[in-house]
Amino acid sequence: MGSVLKIHRWGERGTPVVALHCSGLSGLQWRRIGEAASAHHQIMAPDFLGYGGSPPSPNGLDFRYTEDLEQILAFLDSLPTPYLLLGHSYGGFIALKCAVARPERTLGMCLYEPVMWGGLASFRGVKIEEVIKRFDPEMVLLDKSRAGTEAYLHRFIDYWNGDGFWAAMTEVQRRPVILGAEKIAAEVYEVLKDETPHTEYLSINCPFHLLHGTVSPPEVLAVKDILQELLPHLTTACIPGGHMNPIRNPIPVNAHFQLFLQKWRENRLSSQSRPHHH
């Protein structure tokens, strides 16, 4: 299967870097990093199904996240060499799945607050609904019949951005969210109902740098703690702000992504220049 996704590209040489965007945006989320890192890397940022230049899922609200995952894996499998992964939020969730599915091809990854609800529930030994009820007592986000409604988008946007954020948005700012509402709701439902246990991620052994905000939702910070416990080689960095830092506070976030790529390249060059003993 070939991938049908639209791919944004920057740079033509060096190790491929595949960057996966968050819900509601497109691969153009990575434009600044693409331009900044294009001298040494091929940066490729797909639009997930239903965003940017990619076709919508044929399944509407019955979309499954495995559709995005299969499209990304098909694209990764088409690359002639192993690659690095970048991701934010939902894109980080898909990146984790790719690293588990293709361990021998994933050279390393740097993610900003990947979502991992199933892992959070299994680590705590509770049903996922128990986790969700803490921040969404009426379970609005699990009610697909409310997708695209003011109540739904209000809950979704305020959870990730902070209370009052939806109310403060202008009509122009709301428009892309409203246009993408069906896919956003289908993705949210899928990741909230994902039952992948935390133990699934134990197999990740590539270099892994995890970025997080200072005032992000507690569930997201709990995911960081779980991954740190599971993966002793994991490194982390904390950036002032919250979950939408890559959009609202991009300069320090992008500096960390670029530093990860630079360090990876320097480590690879130094290992190539060491004498090999036979």
C-alpha atoms as a PDB file:
ATOM      1  CA  MET A   1       0.000   0.000   0.000  1.00  0.00           C
ATOM      2  CA  GLY A   2       1.317   3.443  -0.915  1.00  0.00           C
ATOM      3  CA  SER A   3       0.496   6.443   1.237  1.00  0.00           C
ATOM      4  CA  VAL A   4      -2.118   8.921  -0.024  1.00  0.00           C
ATOM      5  CA  LEU A   5      -0.966  11.676   2.334  1.00  0.00           C
ATOM      6  CA  LYS A   6       0.263  15.101   1.253  1.00  0.00           C
ATOM      7  CA  ILE A   7       3.900  15.473   2.375  1.00  0.00           C
ATOM      8  CA  HIS A   8       5.561  18.852   3.009  1.00  0.00           C
ATOM      9  CA  ARG A   9       9.322  18.702   2.390  1.00  0.00           C
ATOM     10  CA  TRP A  10      12.354  20.806   3.298  1.00  0.00           C
ATOM     11  CA  GLY A  11      15.966  19.847   2.501  1.00  0.00           C
ATOM     12  CA  GLU A  12      17.279  17.199   0.146  1.00  0.00           C
ATOM     13  CA  ARG A  13      20.125  15.461   1.921  1.00  0.00           C
ATOM     14  CA  GLY A  14      21.007  13.858   5.222  1.00  0.00           C
ATOM     15  CA  THR A  15      19.000  11.595   7.463  1.00  0.00           C
ATOM     16  CA  PRO A  16      15.239  11.701   6.836  1.00  0.00           C
ATOM     17  CA  VAL A  17      13.214  13.303   9.641  1.00  0.00           C
ATOM     18  CA  VAL A  18       9.463  12.633   9.639  1.00  0.00           C
ATOM     19  CA  ALA A  19       7.492  15.172  11.698  1.00  0.00           C
ATOM     20  CA  LEU A  20       3.907  14.446  12.802  1.00  0.00           C
ATOM     21  CA  HIS A  21       1.502  17.285  13.631  1.00  0.00           C
ATOM     22  CA  CYS A  22      -1.113  17.623  16.389  1.00  0.00           C
ATOM     23  CA  SER A  23      -4.907  17.398  16.003  1.00  0.00           C
ATOM     24  CA  GLY A  24      -6.485  20.271  14.104  1.00  0.00           C
ATOM     25  CA  LEU A  25      -3.349  21.459  12.285  1.00  0.00           C
ATOM     26  CA  SER A  26      -1.319  20.215   9.291  1.00  0.00           C
ATOM     27  CA  GLY A  27       2.253  19.313   8.413  1.00  0.00           C
ATOM     28  CA  LEU A  28       2.911  23.035   7.994  1.00  0.00           C
ATOM     29  CA  GLN A  29       3.121  23.101  11.796  1.00  0.00           C
ATOM     30  CA  TRP A  30       6.760  22.047  11.162  1.00  0.00           C
ATOM     31  CA  ARG A  31       7.653  24.700   8.557  1.00  0.00           C
ATOM     32  CA  ARG A  32      10.022  26.677  10.813  1.00  0.00           C
ATOM     33  CA  ILE A  33      11.942  23.561  11.854  1.00  0.00           C
ATOM     34  CA  GLY A  34      11.944  22.313   8.272  1.00  0.00           C
ATOM     35  CA  GLU A  35      13.519  25.532   7.049  1.00  0.00           C
ATOM     36  CA  ALA A  36      16.007  25.737   9.938  1.00  0.00           C
ATOM     37  CA  ALA A  37      17.197  22.104   9.704  1.00  0.00           C
ATOM     38  CA  SER A  38      17.093  21.674   5.920  1.00  0.00           C
ATOM     39  CA  ALA A  39      20.868  22.098   5.463  1.00  0.00           C
ATOM     40  CA  HIS A  40      21.574  18.791   7.203  1.00  0.00           C
ATOM     41  CA  HIS A  41      18.319  16.804   7.079  1.00  0.00           C
ATOM     42  CA  GLN A  42      15.442  15.957   4.792  1.00  0.00           C
ATOM     43  CA  ILE A  43      12.449  17.108   6.842  1.00  0.00           C
ATOM     44  CA  MET A  44       9.150  15.551   5.766  1.00  0.00           C
ATOM     45  CA  ALA A  45       5.862  16.508   7.403  1.00  0.00           C
ATOM     46  CA  PRO A  46       2.739  14.608   6.313  1.00  0.00           C
ATOM     47  CA  ASP A  47      -0.770  16.023   6.623  1.00  0.00           C
ATOM     48  CA  PHE A  48      -2.850  13.396   8.453  1.00  0.00           C
ATOM     49  CA  LEU A  49      -6.087  12.272   6.799  1.00  0.00           C
ATOM     50  CA  GLY A  50      -8.655  15.064   6.780  1.00  0.00           C
ATOM     51  CA  TYR A  51      -6.150  17.919   7.157  1.00  0.00           C
ATOM     52  CA  GLY A  52      -4.302  20.203   4.743  1.00  0.00           C
ATOM     53  CA  GLY A  53      -3.771  18.552   1.379  1.00  0.00           C
ATOM     54  CA  SER A  54      -4.600  14.974   2.426  1.00  0.00           C
ATOM     55  CA  PRO A  55      -7.934  13.336   1.599  1.00  0.00           C
ATOM     56  CA  PRO A  56     -10.449  12.813   4.418  1.00  0.00           C
ATOM     57  CA  SER A  57     -10.947   9.414   6.006  1.00  0.00           C
ATOM     58  CA  PRO A  58     -13.768   7.643   4.150  1.00  0.00           C
ATOM     59  CA  ASN A  59     -15.194   6.697   7.551  1.00  0.00           C
ATOM     60  CA  GLY A  60     -16.134  10.129   8.916  1.00  0.00           C
ATOM     61  CA  LEU A  61     -16.841   9.941  12.643  1.00  0.00           C
ATOM     62  CA  ASP A  62     -16.127   6.186  12.559  1.00  0.00           C
ATOM     63  CA  PHE A  63     -12.480   6.891  11.677  1.00  0.00           C
ATOM     64  CA  ARG A  64      -9.939   4.673  13.459  1.00  0.00           C
ATOM     65  CA  TYR A  65      -6.474   5.972  14.383  1.00  0.00           C
ATOM     66  CA  THR A  66      -5.025   2.876  12.715  1.00  0.00           C
ATOM     67  CA  GLU A  67      -5.963   4.522   9.389  1.00  0.00           C
ATOM     68  CA  ASP A  68      -3.497   7.362  10.069  1.00  0.00           C
ATOM     69  CA  LEU A  69      -0.965   4.889  11.452  1.00  0.00           C
ATOM     70  CA  GLU A  70      -1.141   2.680   8.346  1.00  0.00           C
ATOM     71  CA  GLN A  71      -0.707   5.718   6.091  1.00  0.00           C
ATOM     72  CA  ILE A  72       2.342   6.910   8.047  1.00  0.00           C
ATOM     73  CA  LEU A  73       3.888   3.415   8.159  1.00  0.00           C
ATOM     74  CA  ALA A  74       3.384   3.062   4.384  1.00  0.00           C
ATOM     75  CA  PHE A  75       5.188   6.376   3.906  1.00  0.00           C
ATOM     76  CA  LEU A  76       8.000   5.397   6.319  1.00  0.00           C
ATOM     77  CA  ASP A  77       8.396   2.045   4.556  1.00  0.00           C
ATOM     78  CA  SER A  78       8.838   3.882   1.246  1.00  0.00           C
ATOM     79  CA  LEU A  79      11.908   5.740   2.551  1.00  0.00           C
ATOM     80  CA  PRO A  80      15.186   4.168   1.407  1.00  0.00           C
ATOM     81  CA  THR A  81      16.922   4.598   4.784  1.00  0.00           C
ATOM     82  CA  PRO A  82      16.048   4.600   8.510  1.00  0.00           C
ATOM     83  CA  TYR A  83      14.721   7.894   9.901  1.00  0.00           C
ATOM     84  CA  LEU A  84      14.164  10.101  12.941  1.00  0.00           C
ATOM     85  CA  LEU A  85      10.680  10.991  14.214  1.00  0.00           C
ATOM     86  CA  LEU A  86       9.353  14.260  15.630  1.00  0.00           C
ATOM     87  CA  GLY A  87       5.822  14.604  16.984  1.00  0.00           C
ATOM     88  CA  HIS A  88       3.419  16.722  19.013  1.00  0.00           C
ATOM     89  CA  SER A  89       0.336  15.475  20.921  1.00  0.00           C
ATOM     90  CA  TYR A  90      -1.667  13.189  18.562  1.00  0.00           C
ATOM     91  CA  GLY A  91       1.365  13.172  16.255  1.00  0.00           C
ATOM     92  CA  GLY A  92       3.452  11.997  19.220  1.00  0.00           C
ATOM     93  CA  PHE A  93       0.938   9.190  19.857  1.00  0.00           C
ATOM     94  CA  ILE A  94       1.293   8.038  16.224  1.00  0.00           C
ATOM     95  CA  ALA A  95       5.110   8.372  16.487  1.00  0.00           C
ATOM     96  CA  LEU A  96       5.146   6.071  19.549  1.00  0.00           C
ATOM     97  CA  LYS A  97       3.122   3.499  17.582  1.00  0.00           C
ATOM     98  CA  CYS A  98       5.560   3.774  14.646  1.00  0.00           C
ATOM     99  CA  ALA A  99       8.574   3.245  16.919  1.00  0.00           C
ATOM    100  CA  VAL A 100       6.955   0.084  18.330  1.00  0.00           C
ATOM    101  CA  ALA A 101       5.990  -1.164  14.845  1.00  0.00           C
ATOM    102  CA  ARG A 102       9.357  -0.401  13.166  1.00  0.00           C
ATOM    103  CA  PRO A 103      12.059  -0.558  15.870  1.00  0.00           C
ATOM    104  CA  GLU A 104      14.839  -1.422  13.421  1.00  0.00           C
ATOM    105  CA  ARG A 105      14.051   1.591  11.202  1.00  0.00           C
ATOM    106  CA  THR A 106      13.511   4.234  13.925  1.00  0.00           C
ATOM    107  CA  LEU A 107      16.869   5.880  14.686  1.00  0.00           C
ATOM    108  CA  GLY A 108      15.548   8.204  17.390  1.00  0.00           C
ATOM    109  CA  MET A 109      12.679  10.509  18.267  1.00  0.00           C
ATOM    110  CA  CYS A 110      11.904  13.803  19.936  1.00  0.00           C
ATOM    111  CA  LEU A 111       8.283  14.291  20.987  1.00  0.00           C
ATOM    112  CA  TYR A 112       6.397  17.136  22.639  1.00  0.00           C
ATOM    113  CA  GLU A 113       3.754  15.746  25.029  1.00  0.00           C
ATOM    114  CA  PRO A 114       2.551  12.626  23.205  1.00  0.00           C
ATOM    115  CA  VAL A 115      -0.908  11.500  24.329  1.00  0.00           C
ATOM    116  CA  MET A 116      -1.059   7.972  25.755  1.00  0.00           C
ATOM    117  CA  TRP A 117      -4.411   7.514  27.481  1.00  0.00           C
ATOM    118  CA  GLY A 118      -4.488   3.726  27.359  1.00  0.00           C
ATOM    119  CA  GLY A 119      -1.024   3.577  28.915  1.00  0.00           C
ATOM    120  CA  LEU A 120      -2.084   6.015  31.628  1.00  0.00           C
ATOM    121  CA  ALA A 121      -5.129   3.914  32.529  1.00  0.00           C
ATOM    122  CA  SER A 122      -3.244   0.595  32.522  1.00  0.00           C
ATOM    123  CA  PHE A 123      -0.368   2.035  34.580  1.00  0.00           C
ATOM    124  CA  ARG A 124      -2.848   3.253  37.209  1.00  0.00           C
ATOM    125  CA  GLY A 125      -4.897   0.060  36.978  1.00  0.00           C
ATOM    126  CA  VAL A 126      -8.139   1.932  36.288  1.00  0.00           C
ATOM    127  CA  LYS A 127     -10.624   2.098  33.430  1.00  0.00           C
ATOM    128  CA  ILE A 128      -9.965   4.882  30.954  1.00  0.00           C
ATOM    129  CA  GLU A 129     -13.336   6.470  31.851  1.00  0.00           C
ATOM    130  CA  GLU A 130     -12.003   7.083  35.384  1.00  0.00           C
ATOM    131  CA  VAL A 131      -9.142   9.117  33.942  1.00  0.00           C
ATOM    132  CA  ILE A 132     -11.414  11.065  31.571  1.00  0.00           C
ATOM    133  CA  LYS A 133     -14.022  11.893  34.240  1.00  0.00           C
ATOM    134  CA  ARG A 134     -11.455  13.907  36.167  1.00  0.00           C
ATOM    135  CA  PHE A 135     -11.278  16.585  33.468  1.00  0.00           C
ATOM    136  CA  ASP A 136     -14.487  15.925  31.504  1.00  0.00           C
ATOM    137  CA  PRO A 137     -17.135  14.953  34.094  1.00  0.00           C
ATOM    138  CA  GLU A 138     -20.007  14.950  31.573  1.00  0.00           C
ATOM    139  CA  MET A 139     -17.927  12.888  29.095  1.00  0.00           C
ATOM    140  CA  VAL A 140     -18.578  15.445  26.353  1.00  0.00           C
ATOM    141  CA  LEU A 141     -15.458  14.335  24.487  1.00  0.00           C
ATOM    142  CA  LEU A 142     -16.697  10.732  24.269  1.00  0.00           C
ATOM    143  CA  ASP A 143     -20.035  11.796  22.793  1.00  0.00           C
ATOM    144  CA  LYS A 144     -19.619  11.740  19.010  1.00  0.00           C
ATOM    145  CA  SER A 145     -23.132  13.156  18.550  1.00  0.00           C
ATOM    146  CA  ARG A 146     -21.796  16.456  19.956  1.00  0.00           C
ATOM    147  CA  ALA A 147     -18.827  16.667  17.584  1.00  0.00           C
ATOM    148  CA  GLY A 148     -18.525  20.169  16.165  1.00  0.00           C
ATOM    149  CA  THR A 149     -20.902  21.723  18.684  1.00  0.00           C
ATOM    150  CA  GLU A 150     -19.889  24.756  20.690  1.00  0.00           C
ATOM    151  CA  ALA A 151     -19.898  22.681  23.913  1.00  0.00           C
ATOM    152  CA  TYR A 152     -17.591  20.074  22.388  1.00  0.00           C
ATOM    153  CA  LEU A 153     -15.068  22.490  20.872  1.00  0.00           C
ATOM    154  CA  HIS A 154     -15.119  24.625  24.026  1.00  0.00           C
ATOM    155  CA  ARG A 155     -14.210  21.586  26.178  1.00  0.00           C
ATOM    156  CA  PHE A 156     -11.538  20.379  23.755  1.00  0.00           C
ATOM    157  CA  ILE A 157      -9.821  23.754  23.220  1.00  0.00           C
ATOM    158  CA  ASP A 158      -9.920  24.795  26.895  1.00  0.00           C
ATOM    159  CA  TYR A 159      -8.554  21.456  28.072  1.00  0.00           C
ATOM    160  CA  TRP A 160      -5.433  21.775  25.934  1.00  0.00           C
ATOM    161  CA  ASN A 161      -5.006  25.562  26.094  1.00  0.00           C
ATOM    162  CA  GLY A 162      -6.361  26.592  29.496  1.00  0.00           C
ATOM    163  CA  ASP A 163      -9.731  27.797  30.771  1.00  0.00           C
ATOM    164  CA  GLY A 164     -11.242  30.679  28.832  1.00  0.00           C
ATOM    165  CA  PHE A 165      -9.193  30.108  25.684  1.00  0.00           C
ATOM    166  CA  TRP A 166     -12.122  29.198  23.402  1.00  0.00           C
ATOM    167  CA  ALA A 167     -14.093  32.257  24.566  1.00  0.00           C
ATOM    168  CA  ALA A 168     -11.117  34.500  23.773  1.00  0.00           C
ATOM    169  CA  MET A 169     -10.613  33.140  20.236  1.00  0.00           C
ATOM    170  CA  THR A 170     -11.710  35.278  17.278  1.00  0.00           C
ATOM    171  CA  GLU A 171     -13.972  33.934  14.518  1.00  0.00           C
ATOM    172  CA  VAL A 172     -10.921  33.715  12.234  1.00  0.00           C
ATOM    173  CA  GLN A 173      -9.026  31.639  14.826  1.00  0.00           C
ATOM    174  CA  ARG A 174     -12.018  29.360  15.357  1.00  0.00           C
ATOM    175  CA  ARG A 175     -12.629  28.706  11.676  1.00  0.00           C
ATOM    176  CA  PRO A 176     -10.000  25.955  11.086  1.00  0.00           C
ATOM    177  CA  VAL A 177     -11.066  24.227  14.319  1.00  0.00           C
ATOM    178  CA  ILE A 178     -14.698  24.241  13.196  1.00  0.00           C
ATOM    179  CA  LEU A 179     -13.736  23.025   9.700  1.00  0.00           C
ATOM    180  CA  GLY A 180     -11.702  20.156  11.150  1.00  0.00           C
ATOM    181  CA  ALA A 181     -14.255  19.375  13.874  1.00  0.00           C
ATOM    182  CA  GLU A 182     -15.307  15.951  12.561  1.00  0.00           C
ATOM    183  CA  LYS A 183     -11.747  14.614  12.260  1.00  0.00           C
ATOM    184  CA  ILE A 184     -10.720  16.207  15.568  1.00  0.00           C
ATOM    185  CA  ALA A 185     -13.669  14.530  17.351  1.00  0.00           C
ATOM    186  CA  ALA A 186     -12.966  11.161  15.715  1.00  0.00           C
ATOM    187  CA  GLU A 187      -9.268  11.368  16.740  1.00  0.00           C
ATOM    188  CA  VAL A 188     -10.102  12.431  20.285  1.00  0.00           C
ATOM    189  CA  TYR A 189     -12.547   9.553  20.653  1.00  0.00           C
ATOM    190  CA  GLU A 190      -9.973   7.100  19.298  1.00  0.00           C
ATOM    191  CA  VAL A 191      -7.114   8.186  21.573  1.00  0.00           C
ATOM    192  CA  LEU A 192      -9.386   8.399  24.630  1.00  0.00           C
ATOM    193  CA  LYS A 193     -10.661   4.857  23.955  1.00  0.00           C
ATOM    194  CA  ASP A 194      -7.209   3.459  23.078  1.00  0.00           C
ATOM    195  CA  GLU A 195      -6.500   0.467  25.306  1.00  0.00           C
ATOM    196  CA  THR A 196      -2.838  -0.021  24.423  1.00  0.00           C
ATOM    197  CA  PRO A 197      -1.185  -0.805  27.792  1.00  0.00           C
ATOM    198  CA  HIS A 198       1.887   1.088  28.941  1.00  0.00           C
ATOM    199  CA  THR A 199       3.949  -2.122  28.671  1.00  0.00           C
ATOM    200  CA  GLU A 200       3.584  -1.943  24.863  1.00  0.00           C
ATOM    201  CA  TYR A 201       6.146   0.871  24.829  1.00  0.00           C
ATOM    202  CA  LEU A 202       8.844  -1.050  26.718  1.00  0.00           C
ATOM    203  CA  SER A 203      10.328  -2.149  23.395  1.00  0.00           C
ATOM    204  CA  ILE A 204      11.361   1.399  22.433  1.00  0.00           C
ATOM    205  CA  ASN A 205      15.141   1.552  22.733  1.00  0.00           C
ATOM    206  CA  CYS A 206      16.180   4.280  20.298  1.00  0.00           C
ATOM    207  CA  PRO A 207      17.380   7.676  21.586  1.00  0.00           C
ATOM    208  CA  PHE A 208      14.219   9.370  22.862  1.00  0.00           C
ATOM    209  CA  HIS A 209      13.985  12.986  24.026  1.00  0.00           C
ATOM    210  CA  LEU A 210      10.661  14.035  25.551  1.00  0.00           C
ATOM    211  CA  LEU A 211       9.666  17.699  25.803  1.00  0.00           C
ATOM    212  CA  HIS A 212       6.917  18.991  28.088  1.00  0.00           C
ATOM    213  CA  GLY A 213       5.460  22.243  29.404  1.00  0.00           C
ATOM    214  CA  THR A 214       5.359  23.575  32.952  1.00  0.00           C
ATOM    215  CA  VAL A 215       1.585  24.135  33.115  1.00  0.00           C
ATOM    216  CA  SER A 216       0.283  21.326  30.880  1.00  0.00           C
ATOM    217  CA  PRO A 217      -2.693  19.147  31.881  1.00  0.00           C
ATOM    218  CA  PRO A 218      -1.778  16.775  34.754  1.00  0.00           C
ATOM    219  CA  GLU A 219      -2.586  13.717  32.622  1.00  0.00           C
ATOM    220  CA  VAL A 220       0.018  14.739  30.066  1.00  0.00           C
ATOM    221  CA  LEU A 221       2.657  15.253  32.741  1.00  0.00           C
ATOM    222  CA  ALA A 222       1.742  11.837  34.180  1.00  0.00           C
ATOM    223  CA  VAL A 223       2.472  10.296  30.756  1.00  0.00           C
ATOM    224  CA  LYS A 224       5.958  11.834  30.913  1.00  0.00           C
ATOM    225  CA  ASP A 225       6.516  10.255  34.355  1.00  0.00           C
ATOM    226  CA  ILE A 226       5.331   6.835  33.120  1.00  0.00           C
ATOM    227  CA  LEU A 227       7.571   6.919  30.051  1.00  0.00           C
ATOM    228  CA  GLN A 228      10.523   7.966  32.245  1.00  0.00           C
ATOM    229  CA  GLU A 229       9.898   4.985  34.485  1.00  0.00           C
ATOM    230  CA  LEU A 230       9.501   2.578  31.561  1.00  0.00           C
ATOM    231  CA  LEU A 231      12.467   3.785  29.507  1.00  0.00           C
ATOM    232  CA  PRO A 232      15.627   4.473  31.549  1.00  0.00           C
ATOM    233  CA  HIS A 233      17.409   5.924  28.494  1.00  0.00           C
ATOM    234  CA  LEU A 234      14.719   8.600  28.005  1.00  0.00           C
ATOM    235  CA  THR A 235      15.823  12.235  28.415  1.00  0.00           C
ATOM    236  CA  THR A 236      13.419  15.114  29.091  1.00  0.00           C
ATOM    237  CA  ALA A 237      13.323  18.901  28.957  1.00  0.00           C
ATOM    238  CA  CYS A 238      10.796  21.291  30.448  1.00  0.00           C
ATOM    239  CA  ILE A 239       9.677  24.461  28.641  1.00  0.00           C
ATOM    240  CA  PRO A 240       7.672  27.283  30.285  1.00  0.00           C
ATOM    241  CA  GLY A 241       4.056  27.143  29.079  1.00  0.00           C
ATOM    242  CA  GLY A 242       1.583  24.421  28.234  1.00  0.00           C
ATOM    243  CA  HIS A 243       0.538  21.735  25.783  1.00  0.00           C
ATOM    244  CA  MET A 244       0.222  24.102  22.816  1.00  0.00           C
ATOM    245  CA  ASN A 245       3.731  25.524  23.287  1.00  0.00           C
ATOM    246  CA  PRO A 246       4.828  24.324  19.816  1.00  0.00           C
ATOM    247  CA  ILE A 247       2.257  26.755  18.370  1.00  0.00           C
ATOM    248  CA  ARG A 248       2.017  29.480  21.018  1.00  0.00           C
ATOM    249  CA  ASN A 249       5.644  29.532  22.218  1.00  0.00           C
ATOM    250  CA  PRO A 250       7.498  27.977  19.262  1.00  0.00           C
ATOM    251  CA  ILE A 251      10.956  29.518  19.610  1.00  0.00           C
ATOM    252  CA  PRO A 252      12.186  27.537  22.668  1.00  0.00           C
ATOM    253  CA  VAL A 253      10.339  24.383  21.557  1.00  0.00           C
ATOM    254  CA  ASN A 254      11.860  24.488  18.075  1.00  0.00           C
ATOM    255  CA  ALA A 255      15.286  25.158  19.596  1.00  0.00           C
ATOM    256  CA  HIS A 256      14.955  21.861  21.511  1.00  0.00           C
ATOM    257  CA  PHE A 257      13.857  19.965  18.393  1.00  0.00           C
ATOM    258  CA  GLN A 258      16.810  21.407  16.458  1.00  0.00           C
ATOM    259  CA  LEU A 259      19.230  20.649  19.288  1.00  0.00           C
ATOM    260  CA  PHE A 260      18.024  17.034  19.296  1.00  0.00           C
ATOM    261  CA  LEU A 261      18.696  16.760  15.547  1.00  0.00           C
ATOM    262  CA  GLN A 262      22.099  18.448  15.887  1.00  0.00           C
ATOM    263  CA  LYS A 263      23.191  16.189  18.761  1.00  0.00           C
ATOM    264  CA  TRP A 264      22.031  13.112  16.902  1.00  0.00           C
ATOM    265  CA  ARG A 265      24.033  14.155  13.836  1.00  0.00           C
ATOM    266  CA  GLU A 266      27.149  14.930  15.899  1.00  0.00           C
ATOM    267  CA  ASN A 267      26.946  11.570  17.706  1.00  0.00           C
ATOM    268  CA  ARG A 268      26.599   9.746  14.401  1.00  0.00           C
ATOM    269  CA  LEU A 269      29.537  11.621  12.844  1.00  0.00           C
ATOM    270  CA  SER A 270      31.759  10.947  15.862  1.00  0.00           C
ATOM    271  CA  SER A 271      30.862   7.234  15.860  1.00  0.00           C
ATOM    272  CA  GLN A 272      31.649   7.045  12.130  1.00  0.00           C
ATOM    273  CA  SER A 273      35.054   8.679  12.624  1.00  0.00           C
ATOM    274  CA  ARG A 274      36.152   6.341  15.433  1.00  0.00           C
ATOM    275  CA  PRO A 275      38.620   3.634  14.373  1.00  0.00           C
ATOM    276  CA  HIS A 276      36.977   0.211  14.101  1.00  0.00           C
ATOM    277  CA  HIS A 277      38.791  -2.716  15.731  1.00  0.00           C
ATOM    278  CA  HIS A 278      38.611  -6.100  14.095  1.00  0.00           C
END
